[in-house]
Amino acid sequence: MPYRALFIFLVLSGALVGTAAAQTAGGEAGETYSLHDSNRDGYVDREEFRGFLERRRQPDPYAHLWVFEQVDADGDGRLSGEEMSLTLQKELAERLQRRK
């Protein structure tokens, strides 16, 4: 799983606040995913995902990408780090496209 991309996204989305937290998470990027996995089962469920969305900056021009059913690519009712990372990549691509 590309933890670096997830870390960058979390910093951009405001989920990591303060330079100390960002530096710590940057050194241990695998832990950033666990910020949203509150029950520590290795996945983000619907309730945890709701919290993730609430932490994002508003208004969010990328909200259309972050619909649970769209992020849950395998349809198992929970989001893996890989699924969230793939959505992050889509968002970053859209951000870059908007800048052109």
PDB file of N, CA and C in Angstrom:
ATOM      1  N   MET A   1       0.839  -1.175   0.000  1.00  0.00           N
ATOM      2  CA  MET A   1       0.000   0.000   0.000  1.00  0.00           C
ATOM      3  C   MET A   1       0.881   1.235   0.000  1.00  0.00           C
ATOM      4  N   PRO A   2       0.625   2.206  -0.841  1.00  0.00           N
ATOM      5  CA  PRO A   2       1.456   3.417  -0.894  1.00  0.00           C
ATOM      6  C   PRO A   2       1.125   4.364   0.258  1.00  0.00           C
ATOM      7  N   TYR A   3       1.718   4.103   1.413  1.00  0.00           N
ATOM      8  CA  TYR A   3       1.436   4.905   2.600  1.00  0.00           C
ATOM      9  C   TYR A   3       1.823   6.363   2.414  1.00  0.00           C
ATOM     10  N   ARG A   4       2.847   6.637   1.629  1.00  0.00           N
ATOM     11  CA  ARG A   4       3.283   8.008   1.424  1.00  0.00           C
ATOM     12  C   ARG A   4       2.175   8.827   0.790  1.00  0.00           C
ATOM     13  N   ALA A   5       1.486   8.244  -0.200  1.00  0.00           N
ATOM     14  CA  ALA A   5       0.381   8.955  -0.841  1.00  0.00           C
ATOM     15  C   ALA A   5      -0.743   9.193   0.154  1.00  0.00           C
ATOM     16  N   LEU A   6      -1.038   8.208   0.982  1.00  0.00           N
ATOM     17  CA  LEU A   6      -2.092   8.367   1.980  1.00  0.00           C
ATOM     18  C   LEU A   6      -1.692   9.446   2.985  1.00  0.00           C
ATOM     19  N   PHE A   7      -0.442   9.461   3.390  1.00  0.00           N
ATOM     20  CA  PHE A   7       0.035  10.494   4.311  1.00  0.00           C
ATOM     21  C   PHE A   7      -0.130  11.879   3.707  1.00  0.00           C
ATOM     22  N   ILE A   8       0.274  12.046   2.455  1.00  0.00           N
ATOM     23  CA  ILE A   8       0.143  13.343   1.781  1.00  0.00           C
ATOM     24  C   ILE A   8      -1.315  13.775   1.764  1.00  0.00           C
ATOM     25  N   PHE A   9      -2.194  12.840   1.451  1.00  0.00           N
ATOM     26  CA  PHE A   9      -3.619  13.157   1.421  1.00  0.00           C
ATOM     27  C   PHE A   9      -4.116  13.585   2.797  1.00  0.00           C
ATOM     28  N   LEU A  10      -3.721  12.863   3.828  1.00  0.00           N
ATOM     29  CA  LEU A  10      -4.186  13.194   5.166  1.00  0.00           C
ATOM     30  C   LEU A  10      -3.705  14.571   5.594  1.00  0.00           C
ATOM     31  N   VAL A  11      -2.496  14.925   5.212  1.00  0.00           N
ATOM     32  CA  VAL A  11      -2.002  16.269   5.514  1.00  0.00           C
ATOM     33  C   VAL A  11      -2.816  17.306   4.749  1.00  0.00           C
ATOM     34  N   LEU A  12      -3.045  17.063   3.449  1.00  0.00           N
ATOM     35  CA  LEU A  12      -3.819  17.992   2.636  1.00  0.00           C
ATOM     36  C   LEU A  12      -5.249  18.134   3.120  1.00  0.00           C
ATOM     37  N   SER A  13      -5.822  17.054   3.600  1.00  0.00           N
ATOM     38  CA  SER A  13      -7.223  17.081   4.029  1.00  0.00           C
ATOM     39  C   SER A  13      -7.394  17.660   5.425  1.00  0.00           C
ATOM     40  N   GLY A  14      -6.298  17.941   6.092  1.00  0.00           N
ATOM     41  CA  GLY A  14      -6.381  18.505   7.429  1.00  0.00           C
ATOM     42  C   GLY A  14      -6.545  17.463   8.521  1.00  0.00           C
ATOM     43  N   ALA A  15      -6.438  16.190   8.174  1.00  0.00           N
ATOM     44  CA  ALA A  15      -6.604  15.143   9.175  1.00  0.00           C
ATOM     45  C   ALA A  15      -5.424  15.117  10.149  1.00  0.00           C
ATOM     46  N   LEU A  16      -4.267  15.532   9.686  1.00  0.00           N
ATOM     47  CA  LEU A  16      -3.098  15.632  10.569  1.00  0.00           C
ATOM     48  C   LEU A  16      -2.872  17.107  10.850  1.00  0.00           C
ATOM     49  N   VAL A  17      -2.974  17.461  12.088  1.00  0.00           N
ATOM     50  CA  VAL A  17      -2.872  18.864  12.462  1.00  0.00           C
ATOM     51  C   VAL A  17      -1.607  19.060  13.283  1.00  0.00           C
ATOM     52  N   GLY A  18      -0.879  20.105  12.982  1.00  0.00           N
ATOM     53  CA  GLY A  18       0.317  20.428  13.736  1.00  0.00           C
ATOM     54  C   GLY A  18       1.551  19.764  13.160  1.00  0.00           C
ATOM     55  N   THR A  19       2.649  20.477  13.210  1.00  0.00           N
ATOM     56  CA  THR A  19       3.860  19.953  12.595  1.00  0.00           C
ATOM     57  C   THR A  19       4.401  18.736  13.326  1.00  0.00           C
ATOM     58  N   ALA A  20       4.259  18.667  14.629  1.00  0.00           N
ATOM     59  CA  ALA A  20       4.767  17.511  15.365  1.00  0.00           C
ATOM     60  C   ALA A  20       4.028  16.249  14.936  1.00  0.00           C
ATOM     61  N   ALA A  21       2.710  16.340  14.820  1.00  0.00           N
ATOM     62  CA  ALA A  21       1.933  15.174  14.385  1.00  0.00           C
ATOM     63  C   ALA A  21       2.301  14.800  12.961  1.00  0.00           C
ATOM     64  N   ALA A  22       2.445  15.791  12.097  1.00  0.00           N
ATOM     65  CA  ALA A  22       2.775  15.521  10.703  1.00  0.00           C
ATOM     66  C   ALA A  22       4.155  14.895  10.588  1.00  0.00           C
ATOM     67  N   GLN A  23       5.119  15.386  11.371  1.00  0.00           N
ATOM     68  CA  GLN A  23       6.466  14.825  11.324  1.00  0.00           C
ATOM     69  C   GLN A  23       6.466  13.396  11.838  1.00  0.00           C
ATOM     70  N   THR A  24       5.749  13.150  12.929  1.00  0.00           N
ATOM     71  CA  THR A  24       5.675  11.792  13.468  1.00  0.00           C
ATOM     72  C   THR A  24       5.036  10.859  12.462  1.00  0.00           C
ATOM     73  N   ALA A  25       3.912  11.278  11.888  1.00  0.00           N
ATOM     74  CA  ALA A  25       3.222  10.431  10.916  1.00  0.00           C
ATOM     75  C   ALA A  25       4.061  10.252   9.667  1.00  0.00           C
ATOM     76  N   GLY A  26       4.820  11.271   9.296  1.00  0.00           N
ATOM     77  CA  GLY A  26       5.681  11.159   8.125  1.00  0.00           C
ATOM     78  C   GLY A  26       6.731  10.090   8.319  1.00  0.00           C
ATOM     79  N   GLY A  27       7.214   9.978   9.543  1.00  0.00           N
ATOM     80  CA  GLY A  27       8.205   8.953   9.842  1.00  0.00           C
ATOM     81  C   GLY A  27       7.591   7.578   9.968  1.00  0.00           C
ATOM     82  N   GLU A  28       6.320   7.528  10.330  1.00  0.00           N
ATOM     83  CA  GLU A  28       5.645   6.248  10.517  1.00  0.00           C
ATOM     84  C   GLU A  28       4.330   6.291   9.741  1.00  0.00           C
ATOM     85  N   ALA A  29       4.437   6.383   8.418  1.00  0.00           N
ATOM     86  CA  ALA A  29       3.260   6.592   7.570  1.00  0.00           C
ATOM     87  C   ALA A  29       2.209   5.505   7.731  1.00  0.00           C
ATOM     88  N   GLY A  30       2.600   4.323   8.086  1.00  0.00           N
ATOM     89  CA  GLY A  30       1.634   3.252   8.277  1.00  0.00           C
ATOM     90  C   GLY A  30       0.632   3.548   9.376  1.00  0.00           C
ATOM     91  N   GLU A  31       1.031   4.378  10.321  1.00  0.00           N
ATOM     92  CA  GLU A  31       0.136   4.716  11.418  1.00  0.00           C
ATOM     93  C   GLU A  31      -0.934   5.715  11.005  1.00  0.00           C
ATOM     94  N   THR A  32      -0.738   6.443   9.918  1.00  0.00           N
ATOM     95  CA  THR A  32      -1.728   7.445   9.534  1.00  0.00           C
ATOM     96  C   THR A  32      -3.059   6.799   9.175  1.00  0.00           C
ATOM     97  N   TYR A  33      -3.015   5.642   8.552  1.00  0.00           N
ATOM     98  CA  TYR A  33      -4.248   4.937   8.218  1.00  0.00           C
ATOM     99  C   TYR A  33      -5.016   4.600   9.485  1.00  0.00           C
ATOM    100  N   SER A  34      -4.305   4.268  10.554  1.00  0.00           N
ATOM    101  CA  SER A  34      -4.949   3.881  11.799  1.00  0.00           C
ATOM    102  C   SER A  34      -5.665   5.040  12.468  1.00  0.00           C
ATOM    103  N   LEU A  35      -5.395   6.269  12.060  1.00  0.00           N
ATOM    104  CA  LEU A  35      -6.141   7.403  12.604  1.00  0.00           C
ATOM    105  C   LEU A  35      -7.627   7.254  12.332  1.00  0.00           C
ATOM    106  N   HIS A  36      -7.969   6.640  11.242  1.00  0.00           N
ATOM    107  CA  HIS A  36      -9.364   6.480  10.848  1.00  0.00           C
ATOM    108  C   HIS A  36      -9.893   5.094  11.187  1.00  0.00           C
ATOM    109  N   ASP A  37      -9.021   4.150  11.445  1.00  0.00           N
ATOM    110  CA  ASP A  37      -9.412   2.787  11.793  1.00  0.00           C
ATOM    111  C   ASP A  37      -9.504   2.698  13.317  1.00  0.00           C
ATOM    112  N   SER A  38     -10.554   3.294  13.876  1.00  0.00           N
ATOM    113  CA  SER A  38     -10.639   3.433  15.329  1.00  0.00           C
ATOM    114  C   SER A  38     -10.772   2.103  16.067  1.00  0.00           C
ATOM    115  N   ASN A  39     -11.341   1.083  15.445  1.00  0.00           N
ATOM    116  CA  ASN A  39     -11.453  -0.207  16.132  1.00  0.00           C
ATOM    117  C   ASN A  39     -10.247  -1.109  15.855  1.00  0.00           C
ATOM    118  N   ARG A  40      -9.294  -0.619  15.094  1.00  0.00           N
ATOM    119  CA  ARG A  40      -8.009  -1.287  14.850  1.00  0.00           C
ATOM    120  C   ARG A  40      -8.150  -2.667  14.201  1.00  0.00           C
ATOM    121  N   ASP A  41      -9.149  -2.810  13.305  1.00  0.00           N
ATOM    122  CA  ASP A  41      -9.307  -4.099  12.635  1.00  0.00           C
ATOM    123  C   ASP A  41      -8.617  -4.154  11.277  1.00  0.00           C
ATOM    124  N   GLY A  42      -7.936  -3.070  10.913  1.00  0.00           N
ATOM    125  CA  GLY A  42      -7.215  -3.037   9.647  1.00  0.00           C
ATOM    126  C   GLY A  42      -8.038  -2.506   8.487  1.00  0.00           C
ATOM    127  N   TYR A  43      -9.282  -2.097   8.769  1.00  0.00           N
ATOM    128  CA  TYR A  43     -10.175  -1.575   7.733  1.00  0.00           C
ATOM    129  C   TYR A  43     -10.921  -0.362   8.274  1.00  0.00           C
ATOM    130  N   VAL A  44     -11.446   0.437   7.366  1.00  0.00           N
ATOM    131  CA  VAL A  44     -12.293   1.565   7.738  1.00  0.00           C
ATOM    132  C   VAL A  44     -13.721   1.186   7.376  1.00  0.00           C
ATOM    133  N   ASP A  45     -14.591   1.097   8.395  1.00  0.00           N
ATOM    134  CA  ASP A  45     -15.990   0.752   8.134  1.00  0.00           C
ATOM    135  C   ASP A  45     -16.797   2.035   7.894  1.00  0.00           C
ATOM    136  N   ARG A  46     -18.095   1.888   7.698  1.00  0.00           N
ATOM    137  CA  ARG A  46     -18.941   3.048   7.379  1.00  0.00           C
ATOM    138  C   ARG A  46     -18.872   4.135   8.440  1.00  0.00           C
ATOM    139  N   GLU A  47     -18.935   3.754   9.693  1.00  0.00           N
ATOM    140  CA  GLU A  47     -18.915   4.746  10.773  1.00  0.00           C
ATOM    141  C   GLU A  47     -17.564   5.463  10.820  1.00  0.00           C
ATOM    142  N   GLU A  48     -16.496   4.717  10.690  1.00  0.00           N
ATOM    143  CA  GLU A  48     -15.164   5.329  10.672  1.00  0.00           C
ATOM    144  C   GLU A  48     -15.008   6.220   9.444  1.00  0.00           C
ATOM    145  N   PHE A  49     -15.565   5.793   8.332  1.00  0.00           N
ATOM    146  CA  PHE A  49     -15.508   6.582   7.100  1.00  0.00           C
ATOM    147  C   PHE A  49     -16.251   7.898   7.275  1.00  0.00           C
ATOM    148  N   ARG A  50     -17.375   7.866   7.979  1.00  0.00           N
ATOM    149  CA  ARG A  50     -18.129   9.092   8.251  1.00  0.00           C
ATOM    150  C   ARG A  50     -17.250  10.087   9.006  1.00  0.00           C
ATOM    151  N   GLY A  51     -16.514   9.592   9.994  1.00  0.00           N
ATOM    152  CA  GLY A  51     -15.593  10.454  10.736  1.00  0.00           C
ATOM    153  C   GLY A  51     -14.493  11.009   9.849  1.00  0.00           C
ATOM    154  N   PHE A  52     -14.006  10.173   8.945  1.00  0.00           N
ATOM    155  CA  PHE A  52     -12.994  10.604   7.985  1.00  0.00           C
ATOM    156  C   PHE A  52     -13.525  11.766   7.140  1.00  0.00           C
ATOM    157  N   LEU A  53     -14.759  11.624   6.646  1.00  0.00           N
ATOM    158  CA  LEU A  53     -15.342  12.689   5.819  1.00  0.00           C
ATOM    159  C   LEU A  53     -15.563  13.960   6.610  1.00  0.00           C
ATOM    160  N   GLU A  54     -15.945  13.832   7.877  1.00  0.00           N
ATOM    161  CA  GLU A  54     -16.172  15.003   8.713  1.00  0.00           C
ATOM    162  C   GLU A  54     -14.889  15.783   8.956  1.00  0.00           C
ATOM    163  N   ARG A  55     -13.758  15.105   8.934  1.00  0.00           N
ATOM    164  CA  ARG A  55     -12.470  15.773   9.160  1.00  0.00           C
ATOM    165  C   ARG A  55     -11.946  16.501   7.925  1.00  0.00           C
ATOM    166  N   ARG A  56     -12.516  16.182   6.764  1.00  0.00           N
ATOM    167  CA  ARG A  56     -12.065  16.821   5.526  1.00  0.00           C
ATOM    168  C   ARG A  56     -12.524  18.266   5.489  1.00  0.00           C
ATOM    169  N   ARG A  57     -11.777  19.079   4.811  1.00  0.00           N
ATOM    170  CA  ARG A  57     -12.143  20.489   4.669  1.00  0.00           C
ATOM    171  C   ARG A  57     -13.420  20.626   3.858  1.00  0.00           C
ATOM    172  N   GLN A  58     -14.228  21.591   4.215  1.00  0.00           N
ATOM    173  CA  GLN A  58     -15.483  21.844   3.507  1.00  0.00           C
ATOM    174  C   GLN A  58     -15.433  23.230   2.868  1.00  0.00           C
ATOM    175  N   PRO A  59     -16.068  23.497   1.779  1.00  0.00           N
ATOM    176  CA  PRO A  59     -16.723  22.530   0.911  1.00  0.00           C
ATOM    177  C   PRO A  59     -15.693  21.707   0.151  1.00  0.00           C
ATOM    178  N   ASP A  60     -16.047  20.501  -0.161  1.00  0.00           N
ATOM    179  CA  ASP A  60     -15.114  19.569  -0.772  1.00  0.00           C
ATOM    180  C   ASP A  60     -15.463  19.337  -2.239  1.00  0.00           C
ATOM    181  N   PRO A  61     -14.686  19.880  -3.156  1.00  0.00           N
ATOM    182  CA  PRO A  61     -14.981  19.678  -4.582  1.00  0.00           C
ATOM    183  C   PRO A  61     -14.735  18.243  -5.046  1.00  0.00           C
ATOM    184  N   TYR A  62     -14.197  17.412  -4.178  1.00  0.00           N
ATOM    185  CA  TYR A  62     -13.899  16.029  -4.537  1.00  0.00           C
ATOM    186  C   TYR A  62     -14.814  15.042  -3.821  1.00  0.00           C
ATOM    187  N   ALA A  63     -15.880  15.548  -3.238  1.00  0.00           N
ATOM    188  CA  ALA A  63     -16.800  14.693  -2.475  1.00  0.00           C
ATOM    189  C   ALA A  63     -17.366  13.566  -3.329  1.00  0.00           C
ATOM    190  N   HIS A  64     -17.541  13.814  -4.612  1.00  0.00           N
ATOM    191  CA  HIS A  64     -18.092  12.771  -5.489  1.00  0.00           C
ATOM    192  C   HIS A  64     -17.209  11.530  -5.532  1.00  0.00           C
ATOM    193  N   LEU A  65     -15.926  11.686  -5.240  1.00  0.00           N
ATOM    194  CA  LEU A  65     -15.019  10.535  -5.226  1.00  0.00           C
ATOM    195  C   LEU A  65     -15.132   9.745  -3.923  1.00  0.00           C
ATOM    196  N   TRP A  66     -15.568  10.424  -2.875  1.00  0.00           N
ATOM    197  CA  TRP A  66     -15.540   9.831  -1.546  1.00  0.00           C
ATOM    198  C   TRP A  66     -16.919   9.364  -1.082  1.00  0.00           C
ATOM    199  N   VAL A  67     -17.597   8.627  -1.938  1.00  0.00           N
ATOM    200  CA  VAL A  67     -18.851   7.964  -1.588  1.00  0.00           C
ATOM    201  C   VAL A  67     -18.474   6.535  -1.211  1.00  0.00           C
ATOM    202  N   PHE A  68     -18.910   6.102  -0.038  1.00  0.00           N
ATOM    203  CA  PHE A  68     -18.467   4.813   0.499  1.00  0.00           C
ATOM    204  C   PHE A  68     -18.540   3.696  -0.534  1.00  0.00           C
ATOM    205  N   GLU A  69     -19.666   3.574  -1.215  1.00  0.00           N
ATOM    206  CA  GLU A  69     -19.846   2.481  -2.174  1.00  0.00           C
ATOM    207  C   GLU A  69     -18.862   2.558  -3.336  1.00  0.00           C
ATOM    208  N   GLN A  70     -18.430   3.759  -3.688  1.00  0.00           N
ATOM    209  CA  GLN A  70     -17.457   3.906  -4.772  1.00  0.00           C
ATOM    210  C   GLN A  70     -16.049   3.557  -4.293  1.00  0.00           C
ATOM    211  N   VAL A  71     -15.730   3.936  -3.083  1.00  0.00           N
ATOM    212  CA  VAL A  71     -14.401   3.647  -2.539  1.00  0.00           C
ATOM    213  C   VAL A  71     -14.264   2.149  -2.258  1.00  0.00           C
ATOM    214  N   ASP A  72     -15.352   1.523  -1.830  1.00  0.00           N
ATOM    215  CA  ASP A  72     -15.355   0.091  -1.505  1.00  0.00           C
ATOM    216  C   ASP A  72     -15.386  -0.728  -2.803  1.00  0.00           C
ATOM    217  N   ALA A  73     -14.250  -0.806  -3.464  1.00  0.00           N
ATOM    218  CA  ALA A  73     -14.147  -1.419  -4.792  1.00  0.00           C
ATOM    219  C   ALA A  73     -14.561  -2.890  -4.810  1.00  0.00           C
ATOM    220  N   ASP A  74     -14.264  -3.623  -3.747  1.00  0.00           N
ATOM    221  CA  ASP A  74     -14.600  -5.043  -3.743  1.00  0.00           C
ATOM    222  C   ASP A  74     -15.969  -5.331  -3.127  1.00  0.00           C
ATOM    223  N   GLY A  75     -16.649  -4.287  -2.652  1.00  0.00           N
ATOM    224  CA  GLY A  75     -18.007  -4.432  -2.150  1.00  0.00           C
ATOM    225  C   GLY A  75     -18.150  -5.235  -0.870  1.00  0.00           C
ATOM    226  N   ASP A  76     -17.079  -5.300  -0.063  1.00  0.00           N
ATOM    227  CA  ASP A  76     -17.160  -6.103   1.156  1.00  0.00           C
ATOM    228  C   ASP A  76     -17.659  -5.324   2.373  1.00  0.00           C
ATOM    229  N   GLY A  77     -18.030  -4.059   2.170  1.00  0.00           N
ATOM    230  CA  GLY A  77     -18.572  -3.270   3.271  1.00  0.00           C
ATOM    231  C   GLY A  77     -17.542  -2.659   4.187  1.00  0.00           C
ATOM    232  N   ARG A  78     -16.290  -2.707   3.794  1.00  0.00           N
ATOM    233  CA  ARG A  78     -15.207  -2.090   4.568  1.00  0.00           C
ATOM    234  C   ARG A  78     -14.132  -1.635   3.595  1.00  0.00           C
ATOM    235  N   LEU A  79     -13.383  -0.618   4.008  1.00  0.00           N
ATOM    236  CA  LEU A  79     -12.381  -0.031   3.120  1.00  0.00           C
ATOM    237  C   LEU A  79     -10.986  -0.423   3.571  1.00  0.00           C
ATOM    238  N   SER A  80     -10.240  -0.965   2.641  1.00  0.00           N
ATOM    239  CA  SER A  80      -8.844  -1.291   2.925  1.00  0.00           C
ATOM    240  C   SER A  80      -7.994  -0.056   2.646  1.00  0.00           C
ATOM    241  N   GLY A  81      -6.778  -0.092   3.104  1.00  0.00           N
ATOM    242  CA  GLY A  81      -5.852   0.996   2.801  1.00  0.00           C
ATOM    243  C   GLY A  81      -5.649   1.142   1.309  1.00  0.00           C
ATOM    244  N   GLU A  82      -5.642   0.022   0.610  1.00  0.00           N
ATOM    245  CA  GLU A  82      -5.462   0.060  -0.840  1.00  0.00           C
ATOM    246  C   GLU A  82      -6.636   0.758  -1.525  1.00  0.00           C
ATOM    247  N   GLU A  83      -7.858   0.469  -1.088  1.00  0.00           N
ATOM    248  CA  GLU A  83      -9.030   1.113  -1.684  1.00  0.00           C
ATOM    249  C   GLU A  83      -9.016   2.615  -1.432  1.00  0.00           C
ATOM    250  N   MET A  84      -8.638   3.003  -0.222  1.00  0.00           N
ATOM    251  CA  MET A  84      -8.578   4.434   0.073  1.00  0.00           C
ATOM    252  C   MET A  84      -7.456   5.088  -0.718  1.00  0.00           C
ATOM    253  N   SER A  85      -6.355   4.381  -0.868  1.00  0.00           N
ATOM    254  CA  SER A  85      -5.236   4.914  -1.627  1.00  0.00           C
ATOM    255  C   SER A  85      -5.593   5.109  -3.094  1.00  0.00           C
ATOM    256  N   LEU A  86      -6.340   4.162  -3.659  1.00  0.00           N
ATOM    257  CA  LEU A  86      -6.764   4.301  -5.056  1.00  0.00           C
ATOM    258  C   LEU A  86      -7.654   5.529  -5.236  1.00  0.00           C
ATOM    259  N   THR A  87      -8.533   5.765  -4.275  1.00  0.00           N
ATOM    260  CA  THR A  87      -9.394   6.951  -4.349  1.00  0.00           C
ATOM    261  C   THR A  87      -8.556   8.209  -4.175  1.00  0.00           C
ATOM    262  N   LEU A  88      -7.585   8.152  -3.303  1.00  0.00           N
ATOM    263  CA  LEU A  88      -6.665   9.271  -3.136  1.00  0.00           C
ATOM    264  C   LEU A  88      -5.970   9.588  -4.457  1.00  0.00           C
ATOM    265  N   GLN A  89      -5.518   8.566  -5.155  1.00  0.00           N
ATOM    266  CA  GLN A  89      -4.844   8.778  -6.432  1.00  0.00           C
ATOM    267  C   GLN A  89      -5.779   9.449  -7.427  1.00  0.00           C
ATOM    268  N   LYS A  90      -7.057   9.037  -7.430  1.00  0.00           N
ATOM    269  CA  LYS A  90      -8.039   9.691  -8.303  1.00  0.00           C
ATOM    270  C   LYS A  90      -8.190  11.162  -7.926  1.00  0.00           C
ATOM    271  N   GLU A  91      -8.264  11.436  -6.622  1.00  0.00           N
ATOM    272  CA  GLU A  91      -8.412  12.825  -6.185  1.00  0.00           C
ATOM    273  C   GLU A  91      -7.190  13.650  -6.578  1.00  0.00           C
ATOM    274  N   LEU A  92      -6.008  13.108  -6.353  1.00  0.00           N
ATOM    275  CA  LEU A  92      -4.801  13.850  -6.710  1.00  0.00           C
ATOM    276  C   LEU A  92      -4.742  14.114  -8.212  1.00  0.00           C
ATOM    277  N   ALA A  93      -5.169  13.145  -9.011  1.00  0.00           N
ATOM    278  CA  ALA A  93      -5.202  13.338 -10.463  1.00  0.00           C
ATOM    279  C   ALA A  93      -6.176  14.456 -10.826  1.00  0.00           C
ATOM    280  N   GLU A  94      -7.343  14.485 -10.171  1.00  0.00           N
ATOM    281  CA  GLU A  94      -8.304  15.552 -10.436  1.00  0.00           C
ATOM    282  C   GLU A  94      -7.756  16.907  -9.994  1.00  0.00           C
ATOM    283  N   ARG A  95      -7.062  16.937  -8.858  1.00  0.00           N
ATOM    284  CA  ARG A  95      -6.464  18.190  -8.388  1.00  0.00           C
ATOM    285  C   ARG A  95      -5.464  18.718  -9.417  1.00  0.00           C
ATOM    286  N   LEU A  96      -4.636  17.811  -9.933  1.00  0.00           N
ATOM    287  CA  LEU A  96      -3.650  18.224 -10.933  1.00  0.00           C
ATOM    288  C   LEU A  96      -4.332  18.688 -12.220  1.00  0.00           C
ATOM    289  N   GLN A  97      -5.382  18.007 -12.606  1.00  0.00           N
ATOM    290  CA  GLN A  97      -6.120  18.381 -13.821  1.00  0.00           C
ATOM    291  C   GLN A  97      -6.743  19.767 -13.680  1.00  0.00           C
ATOM    292  N   ARG A  98      -7.261  20.087 -12.493  1.00  0.00           N
ATOM    293  CA  ARG A  98      -7.866  21.400 -12.255  1.00  0.00           C
ATOM    294  C   ARG A  98      -6.842  22.517 -12.326  1.00  0.00           C
ATOM    295  N   ARG A  99      -5.604  22.208 -11.993  1.00  0.00           N
ATOM    296  CA  ARG A  99      -4.560  23.235 -12.007  1.00  0.00           C
ATOM    297  C   ARG A  99      -4.144  23.625 -13.422  1.00  0.00           C
ATOM    298  N   LYS A 100      -4.428  22.773 -14.387  1.00  0.00           N
ATOM    299  CA  LYS A 100      -4.007  23.038 -15.775  1.00  0.00           C
ATOM    300  C   LYS A 100      -4.847  24.098 -16.411  1.00  0.00           C
TER     301      LYS A 100
END
